[in-house]
Amino acid sequence: MEIQITSRHEKTSQSLHDKITAELEGLQKFYDRITSCHVVLDKQRGKEIMEVVVHMAGHTVAATAKAENLGKAIDATVTKVERQLKKINEKIKSHKSSRSQGEGEKEE
């Protein structure tokens, strides 16, 4: 998975990049077909903002969070993306299971 991190209005440390990368790589347990992620870190009016766009085969997921510090913004954004990935994964699983059940009914 390719991860691109962009920072606006201030520079970020390598340790922060490593933390964000580790959090985003953990998303693959919810949906294994993620191809790339683009992260934008920003600071406006004393609030830290994190935007994430996740590209997958056939889907794109985006989430944004504002918090008083970057750690909370990271956690909130990753939680939002996880929720969306779980929803997509459930839709795919239920669609496949309903299709396989429909095929079984046709054979009878």
N, C-alpha and C. Protein backbone atom coordinates (compact mmCIF):
# COMPACT_ATOMS: atom_id res chain seq x y z
N MET A 1 0.85 -1.16 0.00
CA MET A 1 0.00 0.00 0.00
C MET A 1 0.90 1.24 0.00
N GLU A 2 0.57 2.16 -0.87
CA GLU A 2 1.32 3.41 -0.97
C GLU A 2 0.68 4.46 -0.06
N ILE A 3 1.49 5.11 0.77
CA ILE A 3 0.99 6.12 1.69
C ILE A 3 1.72 7.43 1.42
N GLN A 4 0.93 8.48 1.14
CA GLN A 4 1.49 9.80 0.89
C GLN A 4 1.00 10.73 1.99
N ILE A 5 1.92 11.42 2.65
CA ILE A 5 1.58 12.33 3.74
C ILE A 5 2.00 13.75 3.36
N THR A 6 1.02 14.66 3.40
CA THR A 6 1.26 16.06 3.08
C THR A 6 0.95 16.89 4.31
N SER A 7 1.81 17.85 4.61
CA SER A 7 1.60 18.70 5.76
C SER A 7 1.51 20.15 5.30
N ARG A 8 0.46 20.84 5.76
CA ARG A 8 0.28 22.25 5.44
C ARG A 8 0.60 23.10 6.66
N HIS A 9 1.20 24.24 6.44
CA HIS A 9 1.45 25.27 7.45
C HIS A 9 2.46 24.90 8.53
N GLU A 10 2.95 23.72 8.58
CA GLU A 10 4.02 23.36 9.52
C GLU A 10 4.64 22.03 9.10
N LYS A 11 5.85 21.82 9.55
CA LYS A 11 6.54 20.56 9.24
C LYS A 11 6.20 19.53 10.30
N THR A 12 6.22 18.26 9.89
CA THR A 12 5.94 17.18 10.83
C THR A 12 7.18 16.31 10.98
N SER A 13 7.29 15.69 12.13
CA SER A 13 8.47 14.87 12.43
C SER A 13 8.36 13.49 11.77
N GLN A 14 9.49 12.83 11.71
CA GLN A 14 9.53 11.49 11.15
C GLN A 14 8.77 10.51 12.04
N SER A 15 8.81 10.72 13.35
CA SER A 15 8.08 9.83 14.26
C SER A 15 6.57 9.93 14.04
N LEU A 16 6.09 11.13 13.72
CA LEU A 16 4.67 11.30 13.41
C LEU A 16 4.31 10.59 12.11
N HIS A 17 5.18 10.70 11.12
CA HIS A 17 4.98 9.98 9.86
C HIS A 17 4.91 8.47 10.11
N ASP A 18 5.79 7.98 10.96
CA ASP A 18 5.83 6.55 11.27
C ASP A 18 4.54 6.12 11.98
N LYS A 19 4.05 6.94 12.91
CA LYS A 19 2.82 6.61 13.63
C LYS A 19 1.63 6.57 12.67
N ILE A 20 1.53 7.56 11.79
CA ILE A 20 0.43 7.60 10.82
C ILE A 20 0.51 6.40 9.89
N THR A 21 1.71 6.08 9.42
CA THR A 21 1.89 4.93 8.53
C THR A 21 1.47 3.64 9.21
N ALA A 22 1.85 3.46 10.47
CA ALA A 22 1.48 2.25 11.20
C ALA A 22 -0.04 2.16 11.37
N GLU A 23 -0.68 3.28 11.69
CA GLU A 23 -2.15 3.28 11.85
C GLU A 23 -2.84 2.92 10.54
N LEU A 24 -2.36 3.49 9.43
CA LEU A 24 -3.01 3.23 8.14
C LEU A 24 -2.75 1.81 7.65
N GLU A 25 -1.58 1.26 7.93
CA GLU A 25 -1.31 -0.12 7.53
C GLU A 25 -2.19 -1.08 8.31
N GLY A 26 -2.60 -0.70 9.51
CA GLY A 26 -3.52 -1.51 10.29
C GLY A 26 -4.92 -1.59 9.70
N LEU A 27 -5.24 -0.68 8.78
CA LEU A 27 -6.56 -0.69 8.14
C LEU A 27 -6.73 -1.89 7.21
N GLN A 28 -5.63 -2.50 6.78
CA GLN A 28 -5.72 -3.61 5.84
C GLN A 28 -6.39 -4.84 6.45
N LYS A 29 -6.49 -4.91 7.77
CA LYS A 29 -7.19 -6.05 8.37
C LYS A 29 -8.71 -5.92 8.19
N PHE A 30 -9.18 -4.70 7.90
CA PHE A 30 -10.61 -4.50 7.68
C PHE A 30 -10.97 -4.65 6.20
N TYR A 31 -10.03 -4.31 5.31
CA TYR A 31 -10.27 -4.45 3.87
C TYR A 31 -8.91 -4.60 3.22
N ASP A 32 -8.63 -5.77 2.67
CA ASP A 32 -7.27 -6.09 2.21
C ASP A 32 -6.92 -5.59 0.82
N ARG A 33 -7.84 -4.93 0.13
CA ARG A 33 -7.58 -4.50 -1.24
C ARG A 33 -7.29 -3.00 -1.33
N ILE A 34 -6.76 -2.41 -0.27
CA ILE A 34 -6.40 -1.00 -0.27
C ILE A 34 -5.15 -0.81 -1.12
N THR A 35 -5.20 0.14 -2.05
CA THR A 35 -4.05 0.38 -2.92
C THR A 35 -3.21 1.56 -2.47
N SER A 36 -3.88 2.65 -2.01
CA SER A 36 -3.11 3.81 -1.58
C SER A 36 -3.90 4.67 -0.60
N CYS A 37 -3.18 5.49 0.14
CA CYS A 37 -3.77 6.44 1.09
C CYS A 37 -3.08 7.78 0.93
N HIS A 38 -3.87 8.84 0.98
CA HIS A 38 -3.30 10.18 0.96
C HIS A 38 -3.76 10.90 2.22
N VAL A 39 -2.81 11.38 2.99
CA VAL A 39 -3.08 12.05 4.26
C VAL A 39 -2.68 13.51 4.13
N VAL A 40 -3.57 14.40 4.60
CA VAL A 40 -3.25 15.83 4.64
C VAL A 40 -3.38 16.28 6.09
N LEU A 41 -2.29 16.82 6.63
CA LEU A 41 -2.28 17.35 8.00
C LEU A 41 -2.28 18.87 7.90
N ASP A 42 -3.12 19.51 8.70
CA ASP A 42 -3.25 20.96 8.64
C ASP A 42 -3.47 21.51 10.04
N LYS A 43 -3.18 22.79 10.20
CA LYS A 43 -3.42 23.45 11.47
C LYS A 43 -4.11 24.77 11.18
N GLN A 44 -5.31 24.96 11.74
CA GLN A 44 -6.06 26.19 11.53
C GLN A 44 -6.70 26.63 12.84
N ARG A 45 -6.46 27.85 13.22
CA ARG A 45 -7.07 28.45 14.40
C ARG A 45 -6.89 27.60 15.66
N GLY A 46 -5.72 27.06 15.84
CA GLY A 46 -5.44 26.28 17.04
C GLY A 46 -5.95 24.86 17.00
N LYS A 47 -6.58 24.45 15.94
CA LYS A 47 -7.08 23.07 15.80
C LYS A 47 -6.22 22.31 14.82
N GLU A 48 -5.97 21.07 15.13
CA GLU A 48 -5.25 20.17 14.23
C GLU A 48 -6.28 19.45 13.37
N ILE A 49 -6.03 19.37 12.07
CA ILE A 49 -6.97 18.75 11.14
C ILE A 49 -6.23 17.64 10.39
N MET A 50 -6.88 16.50 10.27
CA MET A 50 -6.33 15.40 9.50
C MET A 50 -7.38 14.92 8.52
N GLU A 51 -6.98 14.86 7.26
CA GLU A 51 -7.85 14.34 6.21
C GLU A 51 -7.19 13.09 5.63
N VAL A 52 -7.99 12.07 5.39
CA VAL A 52 -7.46 10.84 4.80
C VAL A 52 -8.37 10.44 3.64
N VAL A 53 -7.75 10.10 2.51
CA VAL A 53 -8.47 9.54 1.37
C VAL A 53 -7.84 8.18 1.09
N VAL A 54 -8.66 7.14 1.15
CA VAL A 54 -8.19 5.77 0.95
C VAL A 54 -8.74 5.27 -0.39
N HIS A 55 -7.84 4.82 -1.26
CA HIS A 55 -8.23 4.30 -2.56
C HIS A 55 -8.14 2.78 -2.53
N MET A 56 -9.21 2.14 -3.04
CA MET A 56 -9.27 0.68 -3.09
C MET A 56 -9.78 0.26 -4.45
N ALA A 57 -9.77 -1.02 -4.70
CA ALA A 57 -10.32 -1.54 -5.94
C ALA A 57 -11.83 -1.30 -5.94
N GLY A 58 -12.29 -0.35 -6.74
CA GLY A 58 -13.71 -0.10 -6.87
C GLY A 58 -14.31 0.87 -5.87
N HIS A 59 -13.56 1.34 -4.91
CA HIS A 59 -14.10 2.23 -3.87
C HIS A 59 -13.08 3.30 -3.49
N THR A 60 -13.60 4.40 -2.97
CA THR A 60 -12.78 5.45 -2.36
C THR A 60 -13.46 5.86 -1.08
N VAL A 61 -12.69 5.97 -0.01
CA VAL A 61 -13.20 6.34 1.30
C VAL A 61 -12.46 7.58 1.77
N ALA A 62 -13.19 8.55 2.33
CA ALA A 62 -12.56 9.77 2.83
C ALA A 62 -13.07 10.07 4.23
N ALA A 63 -12.20 10.64 5.07
CA ALA A 63 -12.60 11.03 6.43
C ALA A 63 -11.76 12.23 6.85
N THR A 64 -12.38 13.08 7.67
CA THR A 64 -11.71 14.26 8.20
C THR A 64 -12.04 14.40 9.68
N ALA A 65 -11.07 14.84 10.46
CA ALA A 65 -11.31 15.08 11.89
C ALA A 65 -10.52 16.29 12.35
N LYS A 66 -11.14 17.05 13.26
CA LYS A 66 -10.49 18.20 13.90
C LYS A 66 -10.38 17.90 15.38
N ALA A 67 -9.25 18.27 15.97
CA ALA A 67 -9.06 18.07 17.41
C ALA A 67 -8.04 19.08 17.91
N GLU A 68 -7.94 19.17 19.25
CA GLU A 68 -7.00 20.13 19.82
C GLU A 68 -5.55 19.68 19.68
N ASN A 69 -5.34 18.36 19.51
CA ASN A 69 -3.97 17.89 19.23
C ASN A 69 -4.02 16.84 18.12
N LEU A 70 -2.89 16.62 17.52
CA LEU A 70 -2.83 15.74 16.35
C LEU A 70 -3.08 14.28 16.69
N GLY A 71 -2.72 13.85 17.88
CA GLY A 71 -2.96 12.46 18.29
C GLY A 71 -4.44 12.13 18.28
N LYS A 72 -5.25 13.03 18.83
CA LYS A 72 -6.71 12.81 18.85
C LYS A 72 -7.29 12.87 17.45
N ALA A 73 -6.76 13.76 16.61
CA ALA A 73 -7.24 13.86 15.22
C ALA A 73 -6.93 12.58 14.45
N ILE A 74 -5.75 12.02 14.69
CA ILE A 74 -5.37 10.77 14.02
C ILE A 74 -6.32 9.64 14.44
N ASP A 75 -6.53 9.51 15.74
CA ASP A 75 -7.42 8.45 16.25
C ASP A 75 -8.83 8.58 15.70
N ALA A 76 -9.36 9.81 15.69
CA ALA A 76 -10.72 10.02 15.21
C ALA A 76 -10.84 9.72 13.72
N THR A 77 -9.87 10.13 12.95
CA THR A 77 -9.91 9.90 11.50
C THR A 77 -9.80 8.41 11.18
N VAL A 78 -8.87 7.73 11.84
CA VAL A 78 -8.70 6.29 11.59
C VAL A 78 -9.97 5.53 12.00
N THR A 79 -10.62 5.94 13.08
CA THR A 79 -11.86 5.29 13.51
C THR A 79 -12.95 5.47 12.45
N LYS A 80 -13.04 6.66 11.87
CA LYS A 80 -14.04 6.92 10.83
C LYS A 80 -13.78 6.06 9.59
N VAL A 81 -12.51 5.95 9.21
CA VAL A 81 -12.16 5.14 8.04
C VAL A 81 -12.44 3.67 8.32
N GLU A 82 -12.10 3.19 9.52
CA GLU A 82 -12.37 1.79 9.89
C GLU A 82 -13.86 1.48 9.76
N ARG A 83 -14.70 2.38 10.26
CA ARG A 83 -16.15 2.18 10.21
C ARG A 83 -16.62 2.05 8.75
N GLN A 84 -16.10 2.91 7.88
CA GLN A 84 -16.49 2.85 6.47
C GLN A 84 -15.99 1.58 5.80
N LEU A 85 -14.77 1.16 6.12
CA LEU A 85 -14.23 -0.07 5.53
C LEU A 85 -15.01 -1.30 5.98
N LYS A 86 -15.39 -1.33 7.25
CA LYS A 86 -16.20 -2.45 7.75
C LYS A 86 -17.54 -2.50 7.03
N LYS A 87 -18.14 -1.35 6.79
CA LYS A 87 -19.43 -1.29 6.11
C LYS A 87 -19.30 -1.81 4.66
N ILE A 88 -18.25 -1.39 3.98
CA ILE A 88 -18.02 -1.86 2.61
C ILE A 88 -17.79 -3.36 2.60
N ASN A 89 -16.99 -3.85 3.54
CA ASN A 89 -16.70 -5.28 3.63
C ASN A 89 -17.96 -6.09 3.89
N GLU A 90 -18.83 -5.61 4.77
CA GLU A 90 -20.10 -6.30 5.06
C GLU A 90 -21.01 -6.32 3.84
N LYS A 91 -21.06 -5.21 3.11
CA LYS A 91 -21.89 -5.18 1.90
C LYS A 91 -21.41 -6.20 0.88
N ILE A 92 -20.10 -6.30 0.74
CA ILE A 92 -19.54 -7.26 -0.22
C ILE A 92 -19.85 -8.68 0.23
N LYS A 93 -19.67 -8.97 1.52
CA LYS A 93 -19.94 -10.31 2.03
C LYS A 93 -21.42 -10.67 1.90
N SER A 94 -22.32 -9.74 2.24
CA SER A 94 -23.75 -10.04 2.17
C SER A 94 -24.19 -10.19 0.71
N HIS A 95 -23.58 -9.41 -0.17
CA HIS A 95 -23.93 -9.54 -1.59
C HIS A 95 -23.50 -10.90 -2.13
N LYS A 96 -22.29 -11.34 -1.75
CA LYS A 96 -21.81 -12.65 -2.19
C LYS A 96 -22.65 -13.77 -1.61
N SER A 97 -23.04 -13.66 -0.33
CA SER A 97 -23.82 -14.73 0.28
C SER A 97 -25.23 -14.78 -0.30
N SER A 98 -25.82 -13.63 -0.59
CA SER A 98 -27.16 -13.64 -1.16
C SER A 98 -27.12 -14.18 -2.59
N ARG A 99 -26.05 -13.92 -3.30
CA ARG A 99 -25.92 -14.43 -4.66
C ARG A 99 -25.75 -15.95 -4.64
N SER A 100 -24.96 -16.47 -3.69
CA SER A 100 -24.76 -17.91 -3.62
C SER A 100 -26.04 -18.62 -3.15
N GLN A 101 -26.83 -17.98 -2.29
CA GLN A 101 -28.10 -18.56 -1.87
C GLN A 101 -29.09 -18.56 -3.03
N GLY A 102 -29.08 -17.50 -3.82
CA GLY A 102 -29.97 -17.41 -4.96
C GLY A 102 -29.67 -18.48 -5.98
N GLU A 103 -28.39 -18.81 -6.18
CA GLU A 103 -28.01 -19.86 -7.11
C GLU A 103 -28.51 -21.22 -6.62
N GLY A 104 -28.45 -21.43 -5.29
CA GLY A 104 -28.90 -22.70 -4.73
C GLY A 104 -30.40 -22.88 -4.92
N GLU A 105 -31.17 -21.82 -4.83
CA GLU A 105 -32.62 -21.90 -5.01
C GLU A 105 -32.98 -22.22 -6.45
N LYS A 106 -32.18 -21.77 -7.40
CA LYS A 106 -32.46 -22.02 -8.80
C LYS A 106 -32.29 -23.49 -9.16
N GLU A 107 -31.38 -24.17 -8.48
CA GLU A 107 -31.09 -25.56 -8.80
C GLU A 107 -32.22 -26.48 -8.38
N GLU A 108 -33.00 -26.13 -7.40
CA GLU A 108 -34.03 -27.03 -6.89
C GLU A 108 -35.17 -27.21 -7.82
